[in-house]
Amino acid sequence: MFFDTVSDEPEWNPRYNIAPTQPVPVIRQNRKEPRRELSLMRWGLIPSWAKDMSSAAMMINARSETAATKPAFRDPLANRRCLVPADGFYEWSRHEAACVLVRRAPFIQNKNAGTQVTMKGWERIQYIQKSGRDSKRVFVAMWFDGSMDEVYDKAIAPAISRAGYLPLRIDRHPHVNRIDDEIIGQIKRCRFMVADFTGQRHSVYFEAGMMHGLARNVIWMCKNDDLKDVRFDVRQFAFIAYSSVAEAEKLLYDKILAIEGEGTLAITLT
């Protein structure tokens, strides 16, 4: 039985899909005894002021942003929660008008280990899956002016590759998405970031701030001549200040090894 529950419900068969108004197996905590119980409950909220069940068909979803304040959902959210066990979920494909079923991924479902996951668990798994801590890629935030190409091609990219990671510069990365969506998505997928503030581009500040907000490492760098113009709110970080391409490559390589360690793709330059 799921999650060590007890149940007085008759045998029920798992379904490939559940829909609003249908009975759904859920897990609740017994109010009087320290035990979990599995029950069949109807998908749909009947507000406390409702006189019959007719409104339940209309109240099947709550927005996470407002559920805690809306009168209909506020009290159930605070006092009458339950767990919904599931081994898969539906997700709309971004580029195709089709519904894709994602289920029994090896890192989620292992029959031998008896792993069990709730809908909240799926949410957490999705968050971890989108996280880039296990990624080999490094997001490079910088000014895409031609004057910076040498810094990227002969310093940033080689240092990242030599340390064992894959550099990702968004303007050289083919994609079919909106550029802002692609930037955000790739930042989330990358392990850490190298941010060069030479040229003081607004986008570099935004991208570095986002990666910093994800609690992942940002390696801050800037040409010596430009360092004086770096904004006050990032000056407290230890910048790699460089005067030449060769110096930038060496300092960045050493910094990556010190902060992230050597990646699995490390190469030896001869």
Protein backbone atom coordinates (compact mmCIF):
# COMPACT_ATOMS: atom_id res chain seq x y z
CA MET A 1 0.00 0.00 0.00
CA PHE A 2 1.16 3.53 -0.71
CA PHE A 3 3.27 5.24 1.98
CA ASP A 4 2.41 2.68 4.70
CA THR A 5 -1.27 3.61 4.62
CA VAL A 6 -4.31 1.67 5.80
CA SER A 7 -7.51 1.63 3.79
CA ASP A 8 -11.09 0.47 4.06
CA GLU A 9 -11.69 1.25 0.40
CA PRO A 10 -12.50 -1.59 -2.03
CA GLU A 11 -9.83 -2.59 -4.50
CA TRP A 12 -9.24 0.01 -7.20
CA ASN A 13 -7.26 -0.13 -10.42
CA PRO A 14 -4.73 2.58 -11.33
CA ARG A 15 -5.75 4.68 -14.35
CA TYR A 16 -3.61 6.21 -17.05
CA ASN A 17 -5.38 9.52 -16.46
CA ILE A 18 -7.65 11.12 -13.89
CA ALA A 19 -10.08 13.90 -14.66
CA PRO A 20 -12.14 16.44 -12.69
CA THR A 21 -15.18 15.04 -10.84
CA GLN A 22 -13.74 11.50 -10.88
CA PRO A 23 -12.90 9.60 -7.66
CA VAL A 24 -9.17 9.80 -6.95
CA PRO A 25 -7.14 7.84 -4.37
CA VAL A 26 -5.54 10.27 -1.91
CA ILE A 27 -3.64 9.91 1.35
CA ARG A 28 -4.73 11.72 4.49
CA GLN A 29 -3.55 11.84 8.06
CA ASN A 30 -6.00 10.34 10.56
CA ARG A 31 -7.21 13.14 12.82
CA LYS A 32 -7.19 11.04 15.98
CA GLU A 33 -4.45 8.47 15.47
CA PRO A 34 -0.86 8.72 14.12
CA ARG A 35 -1.53 6.87 10.88
CA ARG A 36 -2.06 7.61 7.20
CA GLU A 37 -5.21 6.52 5.43
CA LEU A 38 -5.93 6.01 1.75
CA SER A 39 -9.36 7.16 0.61
CA LEU A 40 -11.18 7.77 -2.64
CA MET A 41 -12.15 11.42 -2.94
CA ARG A 42 -13.94 13.31 -5.70
CA TRP A 43 -11.81 15.82 -7.60
CA GLY A 44 -13.54 19.16 -7.08
CA LEU A 45 -13.96 21.58 -4.22
CA ILE A 46 -17.35 22.12 -2.60
CA PRO A 47 -17.18 25.53 -0.89
CA SER A 48 -18.40 25.72 2.71
CA TRP A 49 -21.29 27.96 1.66
CA ALA A 50 -22.49 25.67 -1.17
CA LYS A 51 -25.88 23.94 -0.75
CA ASP A 52 -25.08 21.02 -3.07
CA MET A 53 -22.27 19.46 -5.14
CA SER A 54 -23.03 21.28 -8.38
CA SER A 55 -20.28 23.85 -7.82
CA ALA A 56 -17.58 21.18 -7.43
CA ALA A 57 -17.32 20.68 -11.18
CA MET A 58 -16.39 24.33 -11.61
CA MET A 59 -13.83 24.54 -8.78
CA ILE A 60 -11.21 22.03 -9.87
CA ASN A 61 -8.08 24.20 -10.02
CA ALA A 62 -6.51 26.78 -7.76
CA ARG A 63 -3.79 29.23 -8.72
CA SER A 64 -0.77 28.84 -6.45
CA GLU A 65 -0.37 32.63 -6.36
CA THR A 66 -3.83 33.25 -4.88
CA ALA A 67 -4.95 29.97 -3.26
CA ALA A 68 -3.90 31.15 0.21
CA THR A 69 -6.10 34.26 -0.02
CA LYS A 70 -9.16 33.21 -2.05
CA PRO A 71 -12.11 32.51 0.30
CA ALA A 72 -13.00 29.20 -1.36
CA PHE A 73 -9.49 27.72 -1.14
CA ARG A 74 -7.98 29.48 1.86
CA ASP A 75 -9.26 27.19 4.63
CA PRO A 76 -8.85 23.85 2.76
CA LEU A 77 -5.29 24.83 1.85
CA ALA A 78 -4.44 25.58 5.46
CA ASN A 79 -6.24 22.71 7.20
CA ARG A 80 -7.34 19.95 4.81
CA ARG A 81 -4.43 18.92 2.62
CA CYS A 82 -3.77 15.48 1.18
CA LEU A 83 -1.20 13.60 -0.88
CA VAL A 84 -1.97 12.43 -4.41
CA PRO A 85 0.23 9.46 -5.45
CA ALA A 86 1.14 9.28 -9.14
CA ASP A 87 3.71 7.62 -11.37
CA GLY A 88 3.38 10.08 -14.25
CA PHE A 89 2.00 13.39 -15.39
CA TYR A 90 0.98 15.13 -18.59
CA GLU A 91 2.87 18.10 -19.92
CA TRP A 92 2.19 20.19 -23.01
CA SER A 93 4.98 20.17 -25.57
CA ARG A 94 6.35 23.66 -26.15
CA HIS A 95 6.75 23.33 -29.90
CA GLU A 96 4.04 20.84 -30.81
CA ALA A 97 0.29 20.92 -30.35
CA ALA A 98 0.38 17.59 -28.62
CA CYS A 99 0.22 16.28 -25.09
CA VAL A 100 3.26 14.31 -24.00
CA LEU A 101 3.07 11.78 -21.18
CA VAL A 102 6.22 11.68 -19.06
CA ARG A 103 6.25 8.61 -16.87
CA ARG A 104 8.46 6.02 -15.21
CA ALA A 105 11.69 7.91 -15.78
CA PRO A 106 14.52 5.83 -14.30
CA PHE A 107 15.51 8.45 -11.75
CA ILE A 108 11.91 8.59 -10.47
CA GLN A 109 10.37 5.14 -10.72
CA ASN A 110 12.27 2.02 -9.74
CA LYS A 111 10.08 -1.02 -9.24
CA ASN A 112 12.76 -2.97 -7.45
CA ALA A 113 13.31 -0.19 -4.92
CA GLY A 114 9.59 0.46 -4.56
CA THR A 115 9.96 4.21 -4.97
CA GLN A 116 6.72 6.18 -4.50
CA VAL A 117 6.12 9.77 -5.56
CA THR A 118 3.33 12.27 -4.88
CA MET A 119 2.36 15.24 -7.03
CA LYS A 120 4.41 17.49 -4.72
CA GLY A 121 7.27 15.08 -5.25
CA TRP A 122 6.93 15.43 -9.02
CA GLU A 123 7.11 19.20 -8.61
CA ARG A 124 10.34 18.84 -6.67
CA ILE A 125 11.76 16.40 -9.21
CA GLN A 126 11.00 18.84 -12.03
CA TYR A 127 12.82 21.57 -10.13
CA ILE A 128 15.86 19.35 -9.62
CA GLN A 129 15.73 18.23 -13.25
CA LYS A 130 15.83 21.83 -14.43
CA SER A 131 18.69 22.57 -12.08
CA GLY A 132 22.12 22.70 -13.68
CA ARG A 133 24.32 21.49 -10.82
CA ASP A 134 25.10 18.25 -12.64
CA SER A 135 25.52 19.97 -15.99
CA LYS A 136 28.83 20.23 -17.82
CA ARG A 137 27.84 23.53 -19.42
CA VAL A 138 28.93 27.00 -18.36
CA PHE A 139 26.89 30.06 -19.29
CA VAL A 140 29.01 32.97 -20.54
CA ALA A 141 27.50 36.41 -20.02
CA MET A 142 29.37 39.17 -21.83
CA TRP A 143 29.24 42.02 -24.34
CA PHE A 144 28.84 40.55 -27.81
CA ASP A 145 30.77 43.34 -29.50
CA GLY A 146 33.47 42.37 -31.98
CA SER A 147 36.10 43.90 -29.72
CA MET A 148 35.40 41.11 -27.18
CA ASP A 149 35.67 38.18 -29.59
CA GLU A 150 39.37 37.68 -28.90
CA VAL A 151 38.72 37.60 -25.14
CA TYR A 152 36.10 34.90 -25.62
CA ASP A 153 37.90 32.85 -28.30
CA LYS A 154 41.37 32.94 -26.73
CA ALA A 155 40.66 33.30 -23.01
CA ILE A 156 37.16 32.48 -21.75
CA ALA A 157 36.29 29.52 -23.98
CA PRO A 158 39.75 27.88 -23.74
CA ALA A 159 39.88 28.29 -19.95
CA ILE A 160 36.45 26.71 -19.51
CA SER A 161 37.28 23.84 -21.88
CA ARG A 162 40.68 23.21 -20.29
CA ALA A 163 38.99 23.02 -16.87
CA GLY A 164 36.68 20.30 -18.16
CA TYR A 165 33.43 22.12 -19.02
CA LEU A 166 31.52 23.30 -22.10
CA PRO A 167 31.21 27.06 -22.69
CA LEU A 168 27.82 28.35 -23.86
CA ARG A 169 27.64 31.81 -25.42
CA ILE A 170 24.03 32.53 -26.27
CA ASP A 171 24.64 34.45 -29.51
CA ARG A 172 26.52 31.44 -30.89
CA HIS A 173 23.94 28.94 -29.69
CA PRO A 174 21.32 27.99 -32.33
CA HIS A 175 17.73 27.95 -31.10
CA VAL A 176 14.16 28.65 -32.24
CA ASN A 177 12.81 30.20 -29.05
CA ARG A 178 12.38 33.81 -28.05
CA ILE A 179 15.80 35.04 -27.01
CA ASP A 180 14.74 35.97 -23.46
CA ASP A 181 13.15 32.54 -22.91
CA GLU A 182 16.24 30.82 -24.28
CA ILE A 183 18.57 32.84 -22.04
CA ILE A 184 16.58 32.03 -18.91
CA GLY A 185 16.26 28.36 -19.85
CA GLN A 186 19.97 27.95 -20.58
CA ILE A 187 21.00 29.73 -17.38
CA LYS A 188 18.90 27.26 -15.40
CA ARG A 189 20.57 24.34 -17.21
CA CYS A 190 24.15 25.50 -16.67
CA ARG A 191 26.35 24.54 -13.75
CA PHE A 192 27.87 27.98 -13.21
CA MET A 193 28.49 31.26 -15.02
CA VAL A 194 31.42 33.31 -16.23
CA ALA A 195 30.33 36.96 -16.42
CA ASP A 196 32.56 39.53 -18.08
CA PHE A 197 31.37 43.06 -17.25
CA THR A 198 33.58 44.83 -19.78
CA GLY A 199 31.34 47.28 -21.62
CA GLN A 200 28.85 47.45 -18.72
CA ARG A 201 26.01 45.76 -20.55
CA HIS A 202 22.63 45.62 -18.75
CA SER A 203 22.09 42.05 -19.91
CA VAL A 204 25.24 40.86 -18.14
CA TYR A 205 24.02 42.32 -14.84
CA PHE A 206 20.63 40.65 -15.31
CA GLU A 207 22.08 37.25 -16.22
CA ALA A 208 24.64 37.29 -13.40
CA GLY A 209 21.93 38.31 -10.94
CA MET A 210 19.71 35.44 -12.04
CA MET A 211 22.48 32.85 -11.69
CA HIS A 212 23.40 34.30 -8.30
CA GLY A 213 19.74 34.03 -7.29
CA LEU A 214 19.80 30.33 -8.21
CA ALA A 215 22.56 29.93 -5.59
CA ARG A 216 25.12 28.88 -8.20
CA ASN A 217 28.59 30.25 -8.65
CA VAL A 218 29.29 33.30 -10.77
CA ILE A 219 32.87 34.06 -11.75
CA TRP A 220 33.12 37.82 -12.11
CA MET A 221 35.66 39.33 -14.50
CA CYS A 222 36.37 42.62 -16.25
CA LYS A 223 39.14 44.37 -18.13
CA ASN A 224 41.29 46.50 -15.85
CA ASP A 225 40.43 49.70 -17.71
CA ASP A 226 36.70 49.08 -17.27
CA LEU A 227 36.71 47.91 -13.67
CA LYS A 228 36.20 51.43 -12.30
CA ASP A 229 32.81 51.62 -14.02
CA VAL A 230 31.38 48.45 -12.46
CA ARG A 231 28.23 49.29 -10.51
CA PHE A 232 28.38 49.62 -6.76
CA ASP A 233 26.08 46.68 -6.04
CA VAL A 234 28.53 44.11 -7.47
CA ARG A 235 31.82 45.68 -6.46
CA GLN A 236 32.00 43.53 -3.33
CA PHE A 237 32.62 40.44 -5.44
CA ALA A 238 36.17 39.25 -6.18
CA PHE A 239 36.61 40.23 -9.82
CA ILE A 240 39.22 38.79 -12.14
CA ALA A 241 40.79 42.01 -13.40
CA TYR A 242 42.88 41.36 -16.50
CA SER A 243 45.04 43.41 -18.83
CA SER A 244 45.70 40.84 -21.55
CA VAL A 245 44.03 37.84 -23.11
CA ALA A 246 46.71 35.49 -21.83
CA GLU A 247 46.31 36.81 -18.30
CA ALA A 248 42.52 36.42 -18.51
CA GLU A 249 42.81 32.80 -19.64
CA LYS A 250 45.20 31.83 -16.84
CA LEU A 251 43.32 33.63 -14.05
CA LEU A 252 39.97 32.26 -15.20
CA TYR A 253 41.26 28.70 -15.46
CA ASP A 254 42.72 28.87 -11.94
CA LYS A 255 39.49 30.37 -10.59
CA ILE A 256 37.31 27.64 -12.10
CA LEU A 257 39.48 24.92 -10.56
CA ALA A 258 39.42 26.68 -7.19
CA ILE A 259 35.63 27.16 -7.12
CA GLU A 260 34.15 24.29 -9.13
CA GLY A 261 36.98 21.79 -9.40
CA GLU A 262 38.05 20.01 -12.56
CA GLY A 263 35.23 18.88 -14.81
CA THR A 264 34.94 15.50 -16.47
CA LEU A 265 35.82 16.94 -19.89
CA ALA A 266 39.19 18.35 -18.87
CA ILE A 267 41.75 18.57 -21.67
CA THR A 268 45.51 19.01 -21.58
CA LEU A 269 46.93 21.69 -23.82
CA THR A 270 50.31 20.94 -25.37
